[in-house]
Amino acid sequence: MRTFVSAMTLKGINQDTFYIIFPWTFDEDVMKRYNVVNPGKVTNWEDLSKEFLNQNSYNTDLPITL
């Protein structure tokens, strides 16, 4: 997400359109999870970023083992 925001900011893209552009960067697996989000739930960048982090933060909760 940081890379996306940085790239869009450098290109002068308005943050109001980030939530429209960001899903185009998803791979197939992430897009499948994103497609189950209620469309009415995501109406701006803040909504999308929260949903994205909620759906994809599962791997940060896994214990590190050898």
PDB file of N, CA and C in Angstrom:
ATOM      1  N   MET A   1       0.820  -1.186   0.000  1.00  0.00           N
ATOM      2  CA  MET A   1       0.000   0.000   0.000  1.00  0.00           C
ATOM      3  C   MET A   1       0.867   1.254   0.000  1.00  0.00           C
ATOM      4  N   ARG A   2       1.934   1.221   0.763  1.00  0.00           N
ATOM      5  CA  ARG A   2       2.806   2.405   0.804  1.00  0.00           C
ATOM      6  C   ARG A   2       3.395   2.705  -0.566  1.00  0.00           C
ATOM      7  N   THR A   3       3.811   1.662  -1.265  1.00  0.00           N
ATOM      8  CA  THR A   3       4.382   1.848  -2.596  1.00  0.00           C
ATOM      9  C   THR A   3       3.339   2.427  -3.545  1.00  0.00           C
ATOM     10  N   PHE A   4       2.124   1.909  -3.472  1.00  0.00           N
ATOM     11  CA  PHE A   4       1.037   2.413  -4.314  1.00  0.00           C
ATOM     12  C   PHE A   4       0.779   3.884  -4.033  1.00  0.00           C
ATOM     13  N   VAL A   5       0.629   4.239  -2.763  1.00  0.00           N
ATOM     14  CA  VAL A   5       0.350   5.631  -2.389  1.00  0.00           C
ATOM     15  C   VAL A   5       1.495   6.541  -2.832  1.00  0.00           C
ATOM     16  N   SER A   6       2.713   6.090  -2.631  1.00  0.00           N
ATOM     17  CA  SER A   6       3.860   6.901  -3.055  1.00  0.00           C
ATOM     18  C   SER A   6       3.874   7.118  -4.560  1.00  0.00           C
ATOM     19  N   ALA A   7       3.641   6.058  -5.310  1.00  0.00           N
ATOM     20  CA  ALA A   7       3.650   6.170  -6.777  1.00  0.00           C
ATOM     21  C   ALA A   7       2.539   7.089  -7.261  1.00  0.00           C
ATOM     22  N   MET A   8       1.351   6.943  -6.711  1.00  0.00           N
ATOM     23  CA  MET A   8       0.224   7.779  -7.136  1.00  0.00           C
ATOM     24  C   MET A   8       0.456   9.244  -6.763  1.00  0.00           C
ATOM     25  N   THR A   9       1.017   9.465  -5.584  1.00  0.00           N
ATOM     26  CA  THR A   9       1.299  10.830  -5.141  1.00  0.00           C
ATOM     27  C   THR A   9       2.344  11.478  -6.046  1.00  0.00           C
ATOM     28  N   LEU A  10       3.398  10.730  -6.378  1.00  0.00           N
ATOM     29  CA  LEU A  10       4.431  11.263  -7.273  1.00  0.00           C
ATOM     30  C   LEU A  10       3.875  11.590  -8.660  1.00  0.00           C
ATOM     31  N   LYS A  11       2.897  10.816  -9.098  1.00  0.00           N
ATOM     32  CA  LYS A  11       2.289  11.056 -10.409  1.00  0.00           C
ATOM     33  C   LYS A  11       1.240  12.165 -10.366  1.00  0.00           C
ATOM     34  N   GLY A  12       0.955  12.664  -9.169  1.00  0.00           N
ATOM     35  CA  GLY A  12      -0.006  13.751  -9.029  1.00  0.00           C
ATOM     36  C   GLY A  12      -1.459  13.306  -9.082  1.00  0.00           C
ATOM     37  N   ILE A  13      -1.690  12.017  -8.826  1.00  0.00           N
ATOM     38  CA  ILE A  13      -3.056  11.480  -8.837  1.00  0.00           C
ATOM     39  C   ILE A  13      -3.740  11.891  -7.534  1.00  0.00           C
ATOM     40  N   ASN A  14      -4.949  12.357  -7.645  1.00  0.00           N
ATOM     41  CA  ASN A  14      -5.733  12.791  -6.496  1.00  0.00           C
ATOM     42  C   ASN A  14      -6.109  11.591  -5.630  1.00  0.00           C
ATOM     43  N   GLN A  15      -5.961  11.720  -4.333  1.00  0.00           N
ATOM     44  CA  GLN A  15      -6.268  10.631  -3.408  1.00  0.00           C
ATOM     45  C   GLN A  15      -7.722  10.181  -3.503  1.00  0.00           C
ATOM     46  N   ASP A  16      -8.605  11.036  -3.959  1.00  0.00           N
ATOM     47  CA  ASP A  16     -10.013  10.672  -4.098  1.00  0.00           C
ATOM     48  C   ASP A  16     -10.219   9.527  -5.086  1.00  0.00           C
ATOM     49  N   THR A  17      -9.255   9.292  -5.970  1.00  0.00           N
ATOM     50  CA  THR A  17      -9.398   8.222  -6.959  1.00  0.00           C
ATOM     51  C   THR A  17      -8.577   6.985  -6.621  1.00  0.00           C
ATOM     52  N   PHE A  18      -7.826   7.006  -5.544  1.00  0.00           N
ATOM     53  CA  PHE A  18      -7.011   5.851  -5.163  1.00  0.00           C
ATOM     54  C   PHE A  18      -7.860   4.592  -5.029  1.00  0.00           C
ATOM     55  N   TYR A  19      -9.027   4.708  -4.408  1.00  0.00           N
ATOM     56  CA  TYR A  19      -9.838   3.522  -4.154  1.00  0.00           C
ATOM     57  C   TYR A  19     -10.371   2.909  -5.439  1.00  0.00           C
ATOM     58  N   ILE A  20     -10.416   3.675  -6.500  1.00  0.00           N
ATOM     59  CA  ILE A  20     -10.842   3.152  -7.799  1.00  0.00           C
ATOM     60  C   ILE A  20      -9.678   2.454  -8.502  1.00  0.00           C
ATOM     61  N   ILE A  21      -8.483   3.002  -8.385  1.00  0.00           N
ATOM     62  CA  ILE A  21      -7.308   2.489  -9.082  1.00  0.00           C
ATOM     63  C   ILE A  21      -6.678   1.295  -8.360  1.00  0.00           C
ATOM     64  N   PHE A  22      -6.622   1.335  -7.044  1.00  0.00           N
ATOM     65  CA  PHE A  22      -5.891   0.333  -6.263  1.00  0.00           C
ATOM     66  C   PHE A  22      -6.282  -1.109  -6.578  1.00  0.00           C
ATOM     67  N   PRO A  23      -7.569  -1.454  -6.698  1.00  0.00           N
ATOM     68  CA  PRO A  23      -7.914  -2.853  -6.998  1.00  0.00           C
ATOM     69  C   PRO A  23      -7.301  -3.386  -8.295  1.00  0.00           C
ATOM     70  N   TRP A  24      -6.957  -2.537  -9.220  1.00  0.00           N
ATOM     71  CA  TRP A  24      -6.340  -2.979 -10.470  1.00  0.00           C
ATOM     72  C   TRP A  24      -4.926  -3.510 -10.249  1.00  0.00           C
ATOM     73  N   THR A  25      -4.367  -3.295  -9.072  1.00  0.00           N
ATOM     74  CA  THR A  25      -3.022  -3.784  -8.776  1.00  0.00           C
ATOM     75  C   THR A  25      -3.047  -5.160  -8.115  1.00  0.00           C
ATOM     76  N   PHE A  26      -4.227  -5.684  -7.813  1.00  0.00           N
ATOM     77  CA  PHE A  26      -4.347  -6.951  -7.088  1.00  0.00           C
ATOM     78  C   PHE A  26      -4.025  -8.142  -7.990  1.00  0.00           C
ATOM     79  N   ASP A  27      -3.413  -9.167  -7.396  1.00  0.00           N
ATOM     80  CA  ASP A  27      -3.264 -10.421  -8.128  1.00  0.00           C
ATOM     81  C   ASP A  27      -4.571 -11.202  -7.992  1.00  0.00           C
ATOM     82  N   GLU A  28      -4.638 -12.351  -8.610  1.00  0.00           N
ATOM     83  CA  GLU A  28      -5.885 -13.112  -8.668  1.00  0.00           C
ATOM     84  C   GLU A  28      -6.428 -13.488  -7.291  1.00  0.00           C
ATOM     85  N   ASP A  29      -5.549 -13.928  -6.383  1.00  0.00           N
ATOM     86  CA  ASP A  29      -6.003 -14.343  -5.052  1.00  0.00           C
ATOM     87  C   ASP A  29      -6.553 -13.173  -4.242  1.00  0.00           C
ATOM     88  N   VAL A  30      -5.858 -12.068  -4.278  1.00  0.00           N
ATOM     89  CA  VAL A  30      -6.319 -10.887  -3.537  1.00  0.00           C
ATOM     90  C   VAL A  30      -7.629 -10.378  -4.142  1.00  0.00           C
ATOM     91  N   MET A  31      -7.736 -10.422  -5.469  1.00  0.00           N
ATOM     92  CA  MET A  31      -8.964  -9.961  -6.130  1.00  0.00           C
ATOM     93  C   MET A  31     -10.160 -10.819  -5.714  1.00  0.00           C
ATOM     94  N   LYS A  32      -9.963 -12.114  -5.540  1.00  0.00           N
ATOM     95  CA  LYS A  32     -11.059 -12.986  -5.091  1.00  0.00           C
ATOM     96  C   LYS A  32     -11.559 -12.555  -3.717  1.00  0.00           C
ATOM     97  N   ARG A  33     -10.621 -12.268  -2.806  1.00  0.00           N
ATOM     98  CA  ARG A  33     -11.025 -11.829  -1.459  1.00  0.00           C
ATOM     99  C   ARG A  33     -11.672 -10.449  -1.504  1.00  0.00           C
ATOM    100  N   TYR A  34     -11.145  -9.588  -2.353  1.00  0.00           N
ATOM    101  CA  TYR A  34     -11.695  -8.234  -2.473  1.00  0.00           C
ATOM    102  C   TYR A  34     -13.118  -8.269  -3.014  1.00  0.00           C
ATOM    103  N   ASN A  35     -13.401  -9.179  -3.932  1.00  0.00           N
ATOM    104  CA  ASN A  35     -14.713  -9.233  -4.569  1.00  0.00           C
ATOM    105  C   ASN A  35     -15.836  -9.636  -3.624  1.00  0.00           C
ATOM    106  N   VAL A  36     -15.516 -10.161  -2.452  1.00  0.00           N
ATOM    107  CA  VAL A  36     -16.563 -10.505  -1.495  1.00  0.00           C
ATOM    108  C   VAL A  36     -16.930  -9.326  -0.584  1.00  0.00           C
ATOM    109  N   VAL A  37     -16.187  -8.239  -0.678  1.00  0.00           N
ATOM    110  CA  VAL A  37     -16.487  -7.044   0.120  1.00  0.00           C
ATOM    111  C   VAL A  37     -17.749  -6.400  -0.437  1.00  0.00           C
ATOM    112  N   ASN A  38     -18.641  -6.031   0.437  1.00  0.00           N
ATOM    113  CA  ASN A  38     -19.872  -5.345   0.045  1.00  0.00           C
ATOM    114  C   ASN A  38     -19.515  -4.035  -0.651  1.00  0.00           C
ATOM    115  N   PRO A  39     -19.944  -3.837  -1.917  1.00  0.00           N
ATOM    116  CA  PRO A  39     -19.577  -2.616  -2.640  1.00  0.00           C
ATOM    117  C   PRO A  39     -19.996  -1.335  -1.922  1.00  0.00           C
ATOM    118  N   GLY A  40     -21.090  -1.366  -1.174  1.00  0.00           N
ATOM    119  CA  GLY A  40     -21.530  -0.190  -0.436  1.00  0.00           C
ATOM    120  C   GLY A  40     -20.637   0.144   0.739  1.00  0.00           C
ATOM    121  N   LYS A  41     -19.784  -0.805   1.113  1.00  0.00           N
ATOM    122  CA  LYS A  41     -18.892  -0.621   2.257  1.00  0.00           C
ATOM    123  C   LYS A  41     -17.647   0.179   1.883  1.00  0.00           C
ATOM    124  N   VAL A  42     -17.311   0.225   0.589  1.00  0.00           N
ATOM    125  CA  VAL A  42     -16.105   0.905   0.119  1.00  0.00           C
ATOM    126  C   VAL A  42     -16.510   2.057  -0.788  1.00  0.00           C
ATOM    127  N   THR A  43     -16.443   3.268  -0.233  1.00  0.00           N
ATOM    128  CA  THR A  43     -16.833   4.444  -1.018  1.00  0.00           C
ATOM    129  C   THR A  43     -15.725   5.484  -1.115  1.00  0.00           C
ATOM    130  N   ASN A  44     -14.588   5.181  -0.464  1.00  0.00           N
ATOM    131  CA  ASN A  44     -13.457   6.111  -0.528  1.00  0.00           C
ATOM    132  C   ASN A  44     -12.178   5.363  -0.168  1.00  0.00           C
ATOM    133  N   TRP A  45     -11.058   6.053  -0.263  1.00  0.00           N
ATOM    134  CA  TRP A  45      -9.757   5.435  -0.012  1.00  0.00           C
ATOM    135  C   TRP A  45      -9.635   4.922   1.416  1.00  0.00           C
ATOM    136  N   GLU A  46     -10.132   5.656   2.379  1.00  0.00           N
ATOM    137  CA  GLU A  46     -10.048   5.237   3.781  1.00  0.00           C
ATOM    138  C   GLU A  46     -10.774   3.906   3.986  1.00  0.00           C
ATOM    139  N   ASP A  47     -11.981   3.793   3.416  1.00  0.00           N
ATOM    140  CA  ASP A  47     -12.737   2.537   3.526  1.00  0.00           C
ATOM    141  C   ASP A  47     -11.970   1.382   2.898  1.00  0.00           C
ATOM    142  N   LEU A  48     -11.465   1.598   1.695  1.00  0.00           N
ATOM    143  CA  LEU A  48     -10.761   0.533   0.986  1.00  0.00           C
ATOM    144  C   LEU A  48      -9.491   0.117   1.723  1.00  0.00           C
ATOM    145  N   SER A  49      -8.724   1.078   2.198  1.00  0.00           N
ATOM    146  CA  SER A  49      -7.482   0.729   2.881  1.00  0.00           C
ATOM    147  C   SER A  49      -7.758  -0.049   4.162  1.00  0.00           C
ATOM    148  N   LYS A  50      -8.797   0.322   4.900  1.00  0.00           N
ATOM    149  CA  LYS A  50      -9.148  -0.425   6.112  1.00  0.00           C
ATOM    150  C   LYS A  50      -9.571  -1.855   5.776  1.00  0.00           C
ATOM    151  N   GLU A  51     -10.429  -2.020   4.775  1.00  0.00           N
ATOM    152  CA  GLU A  51     -10.890  -3.343   4.368  1.00  0.00           C
ATOM    153  C   GLU A  51      -9.724  -4.192   3.869  1.00  0.00           C
ATOM    154  N   PHE A  52      -8.857  -3.591   3.078  1.00  0.00           N
ATOM    155  CA  PHE A  52      -7.713  -4.314   2.539  1.00  0.00           C
ATOM    156  C   PHE A  52      -6.811  -4.803   3.659  1.00  0.00           C
ATOM    157  N   LEU A  53      -6.506  -3.932   4.600  1.00  0.00           N
ATOM    158  CA  LEU A  53      -5.644  -4.320   5.715  1.00  0.00           C
ATOM    159  C   LEU A  53      -6.313  -5.367   6.600  1.00  0.00           C
ATOM    160  N   ASN A  54      -7.623  -5.235   6.831  1.00  0.00           N
ATOM    161  CA  ASN A  54      -8.339  -6.229   7.629  1.00  0.00           C
ATOM    162  C   ASN A  54      -8.300  -7.602   6.966  1.00  0.00           C
ATOM    163  N   GLN A  55      -8.509  -7.634   5.654  1.00  0.00           N
ATOM    164  CA  GLN A  55      -8.537  -8.910   4.944  1.00  0.00           C
ATOM    165  C   GLN A  55      -7.159  -9.526   4.782  1.00  0.00           C
ATOM    166  N   ASN A  56      -6.127  -8.717   4.696  1.00  0.00           N
ATOM    167  CA  ASN A  56      -4.811  -9.231   4.362  1.00  0.00           C
ATOM    168  C   ASN A  56      -3.808  -9.165   5.501  1.00  0.00           C
ATOM    169  N   SER A  57      -4.258  -8.884   6.699  1.00  0.00           N
ATOM    170  CA  SER A  57      -3.333  -8.814   7.831  1.00  0.00           C
ATOM    171  C   SER A  57      -3.187 -10.153   8.535  1.00  0.00           C
ATOM    172  N   TYR A  58      -3.876 -11.183   8.050  1.00  0.00           N
ATOM    173  CA  TYR A  58      -3.818 -12.494   8.688  1.00  0.00           C
ATOM    174  C   TYR A  58      -2.392 -13.021   8.793  1.00  0.00           C
ATOM    175  N   ASN A  59      -1.553 -12.733   7.803  1.00  0.00           N
ATOM    176  CA  ASN A  59      -0.202 -13.272   7.848  1.00  0.00           C
ATOM    177  C   ASN A  59       0.693 -12.541   8.848  1.00  0.00           C
ATOM    178  N   THR A  60       0.277 -11.428   9.372  1.00  0.00           N
ATOM    179  CA  THR A  60       1.073 -10.757  10.395  1.00  0.00           C
ATOM    180  C   THR A  60       0.827 -11.352  11.778  1.00  0.00           C
ATOM    181  N   ASP A  61      -0.252 -12.129  11.906  1.00  0.00           N
ATOM    182  CA  ASP A  61      -0.601 -12.740  13.180  1.00  0.00           C
ATOM    183  C   ASP A  61      -0.013 -14.133  13.345  1.00  0.00           C
ATOM    184  N   LEU A  62       0.609 -14.658  12.298  1.00  0.00           N
ATOM    185  CA  LEU A  62       1.173 -16.007  12.374  1.00  0.00           C
ATOM    186  C   LEU A  62       2.477 -15.980  13.169  1.00  0.00           C
ATOM    187  N   PRO A  63       2.666 -16.962  14.047  1.00  0.00           N
ATOM    188  CA  PRO A  63       3.923 -17.018  14.797  1.00  0.00           C
ATOM    189  C   PRO A  63       5.073 -17.384  13.863  1.00  0.00           C
ATOM    190  N   ILE A  64       6.219 -16.842  14.136  1.00  0.00           N
ATOM    191  CA  ILE A  64       7.408 -17.145  13.352  1.00  0.00           C
ATOM    192  C   ILE A  64       8.049 -18.395  13.942  1.00  0.00           C
ATOM    193  N   THR A  65       8.229 -19.405  13.112  1.00  0.00           N
ATOM    194  CA  THR A  65       8.847 -20.653  13.561  1.00  0.00           C
ATOM    195  C   THR A  65       9.956 -21.045  12.579  1.00  0.00           C
ATOM    196  N   LEU A  66      10.781 -21.918  13.026  1.00  0.00           N
ATOM    197  CA  LEU A  66      11.846 -22.413  12.150  1.00  0.00           C
ATOM    198  C   LEU A  66      11.435 -23.660  11.435  1.00  0.00           C
TER     199      LEU A  66
END
